[in-house]
Every structure is written in C-alpha cells, then in structure tokens.
C-alpha cells in the first residue's frame, strides 16, 4: 500500500508564508499527477493546485501568483509554497497523488490533512 504524510502547516500572520510538504512511501512503481486541495468546515473540498508528471502546473484563481507547487521525484514528494497568506486561506490542506502501486494499477491516494491557520 501507499502512505502520504503531510507536514509544514501551522499558524501564521496575514502576509506570512508557509511551505507544505507531502511525501509518499510504500509500494510505488510510479507517481503521476500530484495535487493540493483544501477544505473548511461545512464546505466542499476545494482544488488548489496541480503539478503533472512532466512538471506542468495549474492553480485555482484565488492562489495564483501567491502559491507555488513543486515536486521532487527522487524524494517522492510534492510541496506547496504559500506566500502572502490571507485569512481566507485558512483550511485543512490535503495532498492527493496518483500512484502506480502495482504493476498495472494506478489509484489516487490522500494525505491525512494538515491545518493552516492565517490569523493575527
């Protein structure tokens, strides 16, 4: 099986920065799309950013220009650098990764979620 472990969340003041990390471990033959989502209580999970296996990136409009997604294939990790944070960025952030964990099977795996709070 595959496990995703997130780190780097916490409390930060408006205008500050945080860097989230998500590292995969387990039976991994290949890693494809890697994404970040976020969720606030009572609302659906919101897609934030994506990086493909070839390194192409996309962002939701509300974070474009402030957040940067990147990956390190050797470390089986995806990162989200978050700058100029706003109170409305407060949420639980989840990484979602498409992993080939058997020779002919690709599934989406999720991290456990990590809290990001932007507040004075």
Protein backbone atom coordinates (compact mmCIF):
# COMPACT_ATOMS: atom_id res chain seq x y z
CA UNK A 1 0.00 0.00 0.00
CA UNK A 2 0.89 3.66 -0.18
CA UNK A 3 1.04 6.27 2.56
CA UNK A 4 1.15 10.05 2.18
CA UNK A 5 2.44 12.12 5.08
CA UNK A 6 2.00 15.89 5.17
CA UNK A 7 3.92 18.43 7.18
CA UNK A 8 4.57 22.15 7.43
CA UNK A 9 1.21 23.53 8.49
CA UNK A 10 0.55 25.81 11.42
CA UNK A 11 -0.42 29.31 12.47
CA UNK A 12 0.87 32.31 10.54
CA UNK A 13 0.00 36.01 10.43
CA UNK A 14 -1.60 37.56 7.35
CA UNK A 15 1.08 38.26 4.77
CA UNK A 16 3.26 35.45 6.04
CA UNK A 17 4.48 32.27 4.38
CA UNK A 18 4.30 28.53 4.93
CA UNK A 19 5.63 25.57 2.97
CA UNK A 20 3.63 22.36 2.97
CA UNK A 21 5.25 19.03 2.18
CA UNK A 22 3.69 15.70 1.26
CA UNK A 23 5.86 12.59 0.99
CA UNK A 24 4.80 9.23 -0.37
CA UNK A 25 6.06 5.88 0.83
CA UNK A 26 5.23 2.23 0.31
CA UNK A 27 4.91 0.09 -2.79
CA UNK A 28 5.42 2.67 -5.55
CA UNK A 29 6.13 1.94 -9.20
CA UNK A 30 5.42 5.46 -10.41
CA UNK A 31 3.92 8.81 -9.43
CA UNK A 32 1.84 10.90 -11.80
CA UNK A 33 -0.37 13.92 -11.06
CA UNK A 34 0.17 15.50 -7.66
CA UNK A 35 -2.37 17.96 -6.30
CA UNK A 36 -3.24 20.04 -3.28
CA UNK A 37 -6.78 20.59 -2.05
CA UNK A 38 -8.17 22.44 0.94
CA UNK A 39 -11.33 22.27 2.98
CA UNK A 40 -13.05 24.44 5.56
CA UNK A 41 -15.78 23.08 7.84
CA UNK A 42 -19.17 22.94 6.16
CA UNK A 43 -17.82 23.43 2.63
CA UNK A 44 -16.76 21.03 -0.13
CA UNK A 45 -13.12 20.23 -0.65
CA UNK A 46 -11.59 22.84 -2.97
CA UNK A 47 -8.93 22.11 -5.55
CA UNK A 48 -5.89 24.41 -5.11
CA UNK A 49 -3.06 23.39 -7.41
CA UNK A 50 -1.75 20.61 -9.64
CA UNK A 51 1.61 19.51 -10.97
CA UNK A 52 1.80 16.83 -13.65
CA UNK A 53 4.45 14.17 -14.12
CA UNK A 54 6.08 16.44 -16.72
CA UNK A 55 6.11 19.41 -14.36
CA UNK A 56 3.23 21.43 -15.79
CA UNK A 57 1.37 23.41 -13.14
CA UNK A 58 -2.11 24.87 -12.70
CA UNK A 59 -3.64 26.92 -9.91
CA UNK A 60 -7.06 28.00 -8.79
CA UNK A 61 -7.56 31.70 -9.39
CA UNK A 62 -7.56 32.70 -5.73
CA UNK A 63 -3.99 31.48 -5.14
CA UNK A 64 -2.32 32.10 -8.49
CA UNK A 65 0.70 34.34 -8.05
CA UNK A 66 0.91 33.62 -4.32
CA UNK A 67 1.26 29.82 -4.14
CA UNK A 68 3.80 27.65 -5.95
CA UNK A 69 3.52 23.89 -6.33
CA UNK A 70 6.64 21.82 -6.97
CA UNK A 71 7.77 18.21 -6.79
CA UNK A 72 10.87 16.15 -6.12
CA UNK A 73 10.52 12.82 -7.86
CA UNK A 74 13.58 11.34 -6.14
CA UNK A 75 12.03 12.04 -2.76
CA UNK A 76 8.50 11.12 -3.93
CA UNK A 77 7.35 14.48 -2.57
CA UNK A 78 5.16 17.41 -3.53
CA UNK A 79 5.39 20.86 -2.00
CA UNK A 80 3.18 23.92 -1.75
CA UNK A 81 4.94 27.19 -1.07
CA UNK A 82 2.35 29.64 0.19
CA UNK A 83 3.23 33.33 0.28
CA UNK A 84 1.22 36.45 1.05
CA UNK A 85 -1.21 34.34 3.04
CA UNK A 86 -4.69 35.68 3.73
CA UNK A 87 -7.22 34.75 6.43
CA UNK A 88 -9.36 33.15 3.72
CA UNK A 89 -6.55 30.66 3.06
CA UNK A 90 -7.31 29.12 6.46
CA UNK A 91 -8.27 25.49 5.90
CA UNK A 92 -7.18 21.90 6.23
CA UNK A 93 -4.90 21.16 3.29
CA UNK A 94 -4.75 17.72 1.67
CA UNK A 95 -2.36 16.32 -0.89
CA UNK A 96 -3.75 13.96 -3.50
CA UNK A 97 -1.36 11.84 -5.57
CA UNK A 98 -1.91 9.39 -8.42
CA UNK A 99 0.35 6.41 -7.74
CA UNK A 100 1.10 3.24 -9.67
CA UNK A 101 1.32 0.92 -6.66
CA UNK A 102 1.00 -2.34 -8.55
CA UNK A 103 2.37 -3.11 -12.00
CA UNK A 104 -0.91 -2.29 -13.74
CA UNK A 105 -2.86 -0.34 -11.12
CA UNK A 106 -3.00 3.41 -10.59
CA UNK A 107 -5.02 4.88 -7.74
CA UNK A 108 -5.47 8.25 -6.08
CA UNK A 109 -4.09 8.36 -2.55
CA UNK A 110 -4.70 11.12 0.00
CA UNK A 111 -2.76 12.60 2.85
CA UNK A 112 -4.27 12.89 6.30
CA UNK A 113 -4.73 16.64 6.06
CA UNK A 114 -2.86 19.42 7.79
CA UNK A 115 -4.22 22.59 9.35
CA UNK A 116 -3.20 26.01 8.06
CA UNK A 117 -4.47 28.98 10.05
CA UNK A 118 -3.89 32.56 8.95
CA UNK A 119 -4.75 34.94 11.75
CA UNK A 120 -3.48 37.77 13.92
